[in-house]
Protein backbone atom coordinates (compact mmCIF):
# COMPACT_ATOMS: atom_id res chain seq x y z
CA UNK A 1 -22.08 -7.56 -3.78
CA UNK A 2 -20.35 -10.97 -3.83
CA UNK A 3 -17.17 -9.36 -5.20
CA UNK A 4 -17.29 -6.72 -2.45
CA UNK A 5 -17.56 -9.41 0.24
CA UNK A 6 -14.65 -11.40 -1.18
CA UNK A 7 -12.48 -8.30 -1.44
CA UNK A 8 -13.20 -7.29 2.17
CA UNK A 9 -12.20 -10.80 3.28
CA UNK A 10 -8.92 -10.40 1.39
CA UNK A 11 -8.30 -7.04 3.00
CA UNK A 12 -9.11 -8.40 6.44
CA UNK A 13 -6.46 -11.09 6.01
CA UNK A 14 -3.93 -8.43 5.07
CA UNK A 15 -4.88 -6.15 7.96
CA UNK A 16 -4.78 -8.97 10.48
CA UNK A 17 -1.04 -9.48 10.38
CA UNK A 18 1.85 -7.20 11.23
CA UNK A 19 4.79 -6.68 8.95
CA UNK A 20 7.87 -8.71 9.86
CA UNK A 21 9.69 -5.67 11.27
CA UNK A 22 7.16 -5.30 14.09
CA UNK A 23 7.50 -8.78 15.59
CA UNK A 24 10.18 -10.39 17.77
CA UNK A 25 9.37 -13.72 16.15
CA UNK A 26 7.93 -13.82 12.67
CA UNK A 27 4.69 -15.71 12.14
CA UNK A 28 4.79 -18.96 10.19
CA UNK A 29 3.15 -17.18 7.24
CA UNK A 30 3.76 -13.69 5.91
CA UNK A 31 0.81 -11.45 5.10
CA UNK A 32 -0.19 -11.66 1.45
CA UNK A 33 1.07 -8.95 -0.89
CA UNK A 34 -2.24 -7.99 -2.48
CA UNK A 35 -1.95 -6.68 -6.01
CA UNK A 36 1.34 -8.46 -6.65
CA UNK A 37 0.01 -9.87 -9.90
CA UNK A 38 1.28 -8.27 -13.10
CA UNK A 39 -1.61 -6.18 -14.46
CA UNK A 40 0.63 -3.37 -15.72
CA UNK A 41 3.38 -5.34 -17.47
CA UNK A 42 7.09 -5.69 -16.79
CA UNK A 43 10.15 -3.64 -17.75
CA UNK A 44 13.88 -3.93 -17.31
CA UNK A 45 15.17 -3.67 -13.77
CA UNK A 46 17.41 -0.65 -13.15
CA UNK A 47 20.50 -0.90 -11.00
CA UNK A 48 20.47 1.89 -8.37
CA UNK A 49 22.97 4.69 -8.82
CA UNK A 50 23.86 5.85 -5.33
CA UNK A 51 27.30 7.25 -6.19
CA UNK A 52 26.14 10.08 -8.46
CA UNK A 53 23.22 11.34 -6.38
CA UNK A 54 25.14 14.44 -5.30
CA UNK A 55 25.37 15.98 -1.86
CA UNK A 56 22.94 14.96 0.84
CA UNK A 57 22.50 15.52 4.55
CA UNK A 58 25.11 13.57 6.49
CA UNK A 59 26.96 12.70 3.31
CA UNK A 60 30.17 10.73 3.51
CA UNK A 61 31.52 7.76 1.57
CA UNK A 62 30.96 5.42 4.52
CA UNK A 63 27.45 6.65 5.39
CA UNK A 64 25.93 3.21 4.84
CA UNK A 65 28.93 0.98 5.34
CA UNK A 66 28.30 -1.97 7.64
CA UNK A 67 29.37 -0.81 11.14
CA UNK A 68 32.05 -2.84 12.84
CA UNK A 69 30.38 -5.36 15.11
CA UNK A 70 27.22 -5.68 12.98
CA UNK A 71 28.63 -7.88 10.21
CA UNK A 72 27.01 -11.09 11.49
CA UNK A 73 23.59 -9.45 11.79
CA UNK A 74 23.73 -8.09 8.25
CA UNK A 75 24.83 -11.49 6.90
CA UNK A 76 21.94 -13.15 8.74
CA UNK A 77 19.38 -10.92 7.06
CA UNK A 78 21.00 -11.32 3.66
CA UNK A 79 20.48 -15.06 4.00
CA UNK A 80 16.85 -14.56 5.07
CA UNK A 81 16.32 -12.42 1.96
CA UNK A 82 18.17 -14.63 -0.54
CA UNK A 83 18.44 -18.25 0.67
CA UNK A 84 15.14 -19.16 2.33
CA UNK A 85 11.72 -18.84 0.72
CA UNK A 86 8.44 -18.20 2.51
CA UNK A 87 7.91 -21.99 2.57
CA UNK A 88 11.02 -22.30 4.73
CA UNK A 89 12.52 -20.83 7.86
CA UNK A 90 15.24 -21.22 10.44
CA UNK A 91 15.48 -21.63 14.18
CA UNK A 92 18.40 -19.56 15.41
CA UNK A 93 19.90 -18.00 18.49
CA UNK A 94 18.01 -14.87 19.45
CA UNK A 95 21.15 -12.84 20.09
CA UNK A 96 23.92 -14.63 18.19
CA UNK A 97 22.17 -14.62 14.83
CA UNK A 98 24.96 -16.58 13.18
CA UNK A 99 24.03 -19.63 15.27
CA UNK A 100 21.40 -21.42 13.19
CA UNK A 101 20.21 -24.69 14.73
CA UNK A 102 17.54 -26.02 12.41
CA UNK A 103 16.16 -25.36 8.95
CA UNK A 104 12.38 -25.63 8.82
CA UNK A 105 10.58 -26.69 5.65
CA UNK A 106 6.82 -26.31 5.31
CA UNK A 107 6.51 -27.58 1.73
CA UNK A 108 4.68 -30.81 2.59
CA UNK A 109 2.25 -28.99 4.87
CA UNK A 110 1.46 -26.29 2.31
CA UNK A 111 0.91 -28.83 -0.48
CA UNK A 112 -1.52 -30.93 1.60
CA UNK A 113 -4.85 -30.27 -0.13
CA UNK A 114 -6.82 -31.83 2.71
CA UNK A 115 -5.85 -29.09 5.16
CA UNK A 116 -7.73 -25.83 5.55
CA UNK A 117 -5.81 -22.57 5.75
CA UNK A 118 -6.26 -22.53 9.52
CA UNK A 119 -5.04 -26.12 9.82
CA UNK A 120 -1.98 -25.32 7.72
CA UNK A 121 -1.07 -22.51 10.10
CA UNK A 122 -1.51 -24.80 13.11
CA UNK A 123 0.63 -27.54 11.57
CA UNK A 124 3.38 -25.07 10.71
CA UNK A 125 3.47 -23.74 14.25
CA UNK A 126 3.49 -27.28 15.68
CA UNK A 127 6.53 -28.09 13.53
CA UNK A 128 8.38 -25.00 14.72
CA UNK A 129 7.57 -25.77 18.37
CA UNK A 130 8.62 -29.39 17.95
CA UNK A 131 11.96 -28.49 16.36
CA UNK A 132 12.67 -25.98 19.12
CA UNK A 133 12.21 -28.75 21.70
CA UNK A 134 14.62 -30.95 19.76
CA UNK A 135 17.19 -28.14 19.76
CA UNK A 136 16.86 -27.83 23.54
CA UNK A 137 17.46 -31.56 23.93
CA UNK A 138 20.53 -31.36 21.70
CA UNK A 139 21.83 -28.23 23.44
CA UNK A 140 20.82 -28.40 27.11
CA UNK A 141 22.72 -25.20 27.88
CA UNK A 142 20.09 -23.24 25.95
CA UNK A 143 16.69 -22.00 27.15
CA UNK A 144 13.55 -21.53 25.09
CA UNK A 145 14.05 -17.75 25.21
CA UNK A 146 17.39 -18.28 23.44
CA UNK A 147 15.58 -19.64 20.40
CA UNK A 148 13.78 -17.66 17.71
CA UNK A 149 12.04 -18.64 14.48
CA UNK A 150 12.54 -16.59 11.32
CA UNK A 151 10.49 -17.23 8.19
CA UNK A 152 12.32 -16.88 4.87
CA UNK A 153 11.65 -14.05 2.45
CA UNK A 154 13.49 -14.84 -0.79
CA UNK A 155 10.41 -15.06 -3.03
CA UNK A 156 8.83 -12.17 -1.16
CA UNK A 157 11.86 -9.94 -1.77
CA UNK A 158 11.83 -10.82 -5.45
CA UNK A 159 8.16 -9.81 -5.62
CA UNK A 160 8.94 -6.61 -3.71
CA UNK A 161 11.72 -5.69 -6.14
CA UNK A 162 9.27 -6.17 -9.00
CA UNK A 163 6.61 -4.00 -7.34
CA UNK A 164 9.16 -1.31 -6.44
CA UNK A 165 9.30 -0.41 -10.12
CA UNK A 166 5.92 1.27 -9.68
CA UNK A 167 7.21 3.71 -7.08
CA UNK A 168 10.99 3.89 -6.53
CA UNK A 169 11.82 6.52 -9.15
CA UNK A 170 9.27 8.91 -7.66
CA UNK A 171 10.49 8.13 -4.14
CA UNK A 172 14.08 8.86 -5.12
CA UNK A 173 13.04 12.23 -6.60
CA UNK A 174 11.30 13.18 -3.34
CA UNK A 175 14.35 12.26 -1.26
CA UNK A 176 16.67 14.21 -3.56
CA UNK A 177 14.42 17.24 -3.20
CA UNK A 178 14.77 16.87 0.57
CA UNK A 179 18.56 16.44 0.31
CA UNK A 180 18.27 12.97 1.76
CA UNK A 181 20.29 9.93 0.62
CA UNK A 182 18.22 7.92 -1.83
CA UNK A 183 19.44 4.73 -0.16
CA UNK A 184 16.81 5.45 2.49
CA UNK A 185 14.01 4.78 0.01
CA UNK A 186 14.93 1.10 0.41
CA UNK A 187 13.50 1.15 3.93
CA UNK A 188 10.18 0.35 2.26
CA UNK A 189 11.46 -3.17 1.57
CA UNK A 190 11.94 -3.68 5.31
CA UNK A 191 8.72 -1.96 6.35
CA UNK A 192 6.17 -3.38 3.91
CA UNK A 193 7.85 -5.35 1.10
CA UNK A 194 6.20 -2.79 -1.20
CA UNK A 195 2.77 -4.11 -0.24
CA UNK A 196 0.75 -0.94 -0.83
CA UNK A 197 -2.09 -2.36 1.27
CA UNK A 198 0.08 -3.25 4.28
CA UNK A 199 -1.63 -2.58 7.60
CA UNK A 200 -0.23 -3.45 11.03
CA UNK A 201 -2.05 -4.53 14.18
CA UNK A 202 -0.13 -1.88 16.11
CA UNK A 203 -1.53 0.89 13.90
CA UNK A 204 1.24 1.43 11.34
CA UNK A 205 -0.01 1.73 7.79
CA UNK A 206 1.04 1.94 4.17
CA UNK A 207 4.29 1.37 2.30
CA UNK A 208 6.25 3.27 4.94
CA UNK A 209 4.27 1.81 7.88
CA UNK A 210 3.70 5.25 9.37
CA UNK A 211 2.22 5.36 12.87
CA UNK A 212 -0.82 7.54 13.67
CA UNK A 213 1.25 9.66 16.08
CA UNK A 214 3.51 10.72 13.21
CA UNK A 215 0.63 11.42 10.83
CA UNK A 216 -1.81 13.34 13.03
CA UNK A 217 0.22 16.58 13.24
CA UNK A 218 0.00 16.78 9.43
CA UNK A 219 -3.74 15.98 9.35
CA UNK A 220 -3.17 13.02 7.06
CA UNK A 221 -5.77 10.72 8.60
CA UNK A 222 -9.53 10.75 8.20
CA UNK A 223 -12.32 8.19 8.48
CA UNK A 224 -12.61 7.81 4.69
CA UNK A 225 -9.19 8.90 3.40
CA UNK A 226 -5.85 8.02 5.02
CA UNK A 227 -2.94 9.68 3.26
CA UNK A 228 -0.46 7.48 5.11
CA UNK A 229 -1.44 4.93 2.48
CA UNK A 230 -0.94 7.28 -0.47
CA UNK A 231 2.50 6.32 -1.88
CA UNK A 232 3.61 9.87 -2.68
CA UNK A 233 2.12 11.64 0.36
CA UNK A 234 3.51 8.95 2.68
CA UNK A 235 6.96 9.26 1.12
CA UNK A 236 6.94 13.02 1.67
CA UNK A 237 6.11 12.44 5.33
CA UNK A 238 8.72 9.67 5.67
CA UNK A 239 11.30 12.12 4.31
CA UNK A 240 10.30 14.66 6.98
CA UNK A 241 10.53 12.03 9.71
CA UNK A 242 13.97 10.85 8.63
CA UNK A 243 15.25 14.38 8.20
CA UNK A 244 14.01 15.23 11.70
CA UNK A 245 15.58 12.04 13.09
CA UNK A 246 18.95 12.99 11.64
CA UNK A 247 18.70 16.53 12.98
CA UNK A 248 18.26 15.05 16.45
CA UNK A 249 20.72 12.15 16.27
CA UNK A 250 23.28 13.41 13.70
CA UNK A 251 24.09 9.90 12.53
CA UNK A 252 22.34 7.76 9.91
CA UNK A 253 22.55 4.39 11.74
CA UNK A 254 20.90 6.00 14.77
CA UNK A 255 18.43 8.04 12.69
CA UNK A 256 17.31 4.97 10.73
CA UNK A 257 16.95 2.97 13.94
CA UNK A 258 14.90 5.86 15.27
CA UNK A 259 12.41 5.32 12.42
CA UNK A 260 11.53 2.01 14.06
CA UNK A 261 12.22 2.66 17.74
CA UNK A 262 11.46 6.38 17.89
CA UNK A 263 14.23 9.02 17.81
CA UNK A 264 13.65 10.17 21.38
CA UNK A 265 14.03 6.61 22.63
CA UNK A 266 17.27 6.19 20.71
CA UNK A 267 18.59 9.50 22.05
CA UNK A 268 17.81 8.45 25.63
CA UNK A 269 19.68 5.19 25.11
CA UNK A 270 22.79 6.92 23.74
CA UNK A 271 22.88 9.08 26.86
CA UNK A 272 22.06 6.29 29.30
CA UNK A 273 24.73 3.95 27.95
CA UNK A 274 27.15 6.74 27.00
CA UNK A 275 27.75 5.67 23.42
CA UNK A 276 26.60 6.73 19.97
CA UNK A 277 27.88 3.51 18.41
CA UNK A 278 24.81 1.55 17.32
CA UNK A 279 26.67 -1.78 17.44
CA UNK A 280 27.61 -1.13 21.07
CA UNK A 281 24.01 -0.26 21.95
CA UNK A 282 22.75 -3.42 20.28
CA UNK A 283 25.19 -5.71 22.05
CA UNK A 284 24.60 -4.13 25.48
CA UNK A 285 22.74 -6.74 27.51
CA UNK A 286 21.03 -4.13 29.69
CA UNK A 287 19.69 -2.17 26.70
CA UNK A 288 17.67 -5.16 25.51
CA UNK A 289 14.98 -4.48 28.12
CA UNK A 290 13.85 -1.44 26.15
CA UNK A 291 15.47 -2.22 22.80
CA UNK A 292 13.55 -5.15 21.34
CA UNK A 293 14.64 -7.57 18.65
CA UNK A 294 13.04 -5.55 15.85
CA UNK A 295 14.78 -2.32 16.87
CA UNK A 296 18.12 -4.05 17.38
CA UNK A 297 17.95 -5.53 13.91
CA UNK A 298 16.24 -2.76 11.98
CA UNK A 299 19.40 -1.10 10.68
CA UNK A 300 21.08 -4.44 9.93
CA UNK A 301 18.07 -5.62 7.92
CA UNK A 302 18.08 -2.29 6.05
CA UNK A 303 21.77 -2.67 5.15
CA UNK A 304 21.13 -6.24 4.06
CA UNK A 305 18.25 -5.33 1.74
CA UNK A 306 20.30 -2.40 0.42
CA UNK A 307 23.01 -4.83 -0.68
CA UNK A 308 20.57 -7.44 -1.99
CA UNK A 309 18.47 -5.00 -4.03
CA UNK A 310 21.57 -3.26 -5.40
CA UNK A 311 22.83 -6.60 -6.70
CA UNK A 312 19.49 -8.23 -7.51
CA UNK A 313 20.69 -10.21 -10.58
CA UNK A 314 23.23 -11.96 -8.34
CA UNK A 315 20.44 -13.38 -6.17
CA UNK A 316 17.41 -13.68 -8.46
CA UNK A 317 16.97 -14.97 -12.01
CA UNK A 318 15.43 -12.71 -14.64
CA UNK A 319 14.73 -9.90 -12.19
CA UNK A 320 12.26 -7.34 -13.56
CA UNK A 321 10.54 -4.14 -12.55
CA UNK A 322 6.82 -3.55 -12.86
CA UNK A 323 5.83 -0.79 -15.21
CA UNK A 324 4.44 2.32 -13.55
CA UNK A 325 0.73 2.36 -12.76
CA UNK A 326 -0.92 3.77 -15.91
CA UNK A 327 -3.16 6.46 -14.49
CA UNK A 328 -3.99 10.15 -14.41
CA UNK A 329 -4.55 12.17 -11.21
CA UNK A 330 -7.94 13.84 -10.81
CA UNK A 331 -9.23 15.97 -7.94
CA UNK A 332 -12.79 15.37 -6.85
CA UNK A 333 -14.45 18.80 -6.88
CA UNK A 334 -17.64 17.27 -5.46
CA UNK A 335 -18.48 14.14 -3.46
CA UNK A 336 -18.27 11.11 -5.74
CA UNK A 337 -20.83 8.27 -5.43
CA UNK A 338 -19.12 4.94 -4.79
CA UNK A 339 -21.01 3.20 -7.60
CA UNK A 340 -19.70 5.72 -10.10
CA UNK A 341 -16.16 5.33 -8.79
CA UNK A 342 -16.16 1.55 -9.13
CA UNK A 343 -17.31 1.77 -12.76
CA UNK A 344 -14.10 3.63 -13.58
CA UNK A 345 -12.25 0.54 -12.33
CA UNK A 346 -14.45 -2.05 -14.09
CA UNK A 347 -15.98 -2.90 -10.68
CA UNK A 348 -12.64 -4.40 -9.68
CA UNK A 349 -12.19 -3.39 -6.04
CA UNK A 350 -8.64 -4.71 -5.76
CA UNK A 351 -7.66 -2.64 -8.79
CA UNK A 352 -9.35 0.37 -7.21
CA UNK A 353 -7.26 -0.05 -4.05
CA UNK A 354 -3.99 -0.60 -5.89
CA UNK A 355 -4.58 2.70 -7.69
CA UNK A 356 -5.92 4.46 -4.59
CA UNK A 357 -4.77 2.74 -1.39
CA UNK A 358 -5.53 5.90 0.60
CA UNK A 359 -9.27 5.18 0.35
CA UNK A 360 -10.08 3.64 3.71
CA UNK A 361 -11.45 0.22 4.47
CA UNK A 362 -14.55 1.93 5.88
CA UNK A 363 -15.18 3.80 2.63
CA UNK A 364 -14.96 0.61 0.59
CA UNK A 365 -16.80 -1.75 2.94
CA UNK A 366 -19.70 0.65 3.39
CA UNK A 367 -19.67 1.96 -0.20
CA UNK A 368 -19.31 5.53 1.05
CA UNK A 369 -18.98 8.47 -1.31
CA UNK A 370 -15.48 9.79 -1.88
CA UNK A 371 -15.20 13.20 -0.12
CA UNK A 372 -14.81 16.31 -2.24
CA UNK A 373 -11.24 17.52 -2.46
CA UNK A 374 -9.82 13.99 -2.64
CA UNK A 375 -7.21 13.30 -5.29
CA UNK A 376 -7.66 9.98 -7.11
CA UNK A 377 -5.54 8.12 -9.63
CA UNK A 378 -7.77 7.14 -12.55
CA UNK A 379 -6.94 4.42 -15.12
CA UNK A 380 -5.95 6.01 -18.41
CA UNK A 381 -8.72 4.30 -20.33
CA UNK A 382 -11.33 5.61 -17.86
CA UNK A 383 -10.03 9.17 -17.57
CA UNK A 384 -12.36 10.74 -20.16
CA UNK A 385 -15.33 8.89 -18.66
CA UNK A 386 -14.35 10.23 -15.23
CA UNK A 387 -14.16 13.79 -16.55
CA UNK A 388 -17.60 13.39 -18.13
CA UNK A 389 -19.08 11.96 -14.92
CA UNK A 390 -17.57 14.77 -12.85
CA UNK A 391 -19.03 17.35 -15.23
CA UNK A 392 -22.45 15.73 -14.83
CA UNK A 393 -22.15 15.87 -11.04
CA UNK A 394 -21.16 19.55 -11.28
CA UNK A 395 -24.24 20.36 -13.36
CA UNK A 396 -26.48 18.47 -10.94
CA UNK A 397 -25.04 20.34 -7.95
CA UNK A 398 -25.43 23.66 -9.77
CA UNK A 399 -29.06 22.83 -10.56
CA UNK A 400 -29.77 22.01 -6.91
CA UNK A 401 -28.15 25.27 -5.81
CA UNK A 402 -30.36 27.26 -8.17
CA UNK A 403 -33.47 25.58 -6.80
């Protein structure tokens, strides 16, 4: 019971924060990437091969070239991903991202053993607020709204690249089957940093941070099982969303932006401002009322991570991929008692969630039975035990039916 309580506390911390792409100003601490330890071992990192993927929808050699007018934004995000760690950050101009006023270092605060976690957060925020005031004194032509804080992500991106080894090859196969450019699989870096347990305060969930409104038509959500959090099922849905976005917008910069802002909203903006050039939409002062910071920078951050991940050895030492999760899929033909399920995972609830992130917080916190019909990924060493347990449940159910 103690382990269950501790695990729920860990999950609550992860659920409590939004992913960076959902906020106009990043918090002073990123949400923890649960399961980022190395339980499955490492393997050699594989450089992506985008050139030989064959034909795809909207294919052309410049499909993901940095649009003219967005160079500074892409360079900004490359620096966030490769120069500043999560113990650092920068105060910059909200619109002119190339204008960086102060570097913020939290190392001394984080290393202070006398501070609680809450106190550390408060001290970090105080430092950011204080440095913003100094910037305003140094540059009296600026207003507070002109300033934004961005937390670094270098170490986080390195962790995400490692974790991507568990999933990317399968994701690429799904996108090829849908005739979509495999570059789009890298959106997961922007959405969740490959944190399979990522949950957002605004309702987005899973590696692809899929909103309930996109999942409900496909009946992917239930009180005990949420397929938005299943890596493969979520990727299939993300492929449908992106394919639909392109069908509406007929342009990958707009379609990708539509993944964050909503394709209908992007379409309305192209008509209102009479341009299909994303850079022009972003720089339009009037569009900012409905086109927030996250939406304006979504495509630029995607292009930045595309370049960074494609050239990972240039930015990170000894870059590796995680090995795939060593498991076997098994469909639950009958409801599975929670106690039996946890035994298959050595009573390690974090391991259970890394294997099966689609099992809901409610199911785990209340020790609910897994509904019949649910597919689970079972550790290889527990697979025969699981088959034996399922056979025993089947016999018990058959016996009850006869009586």
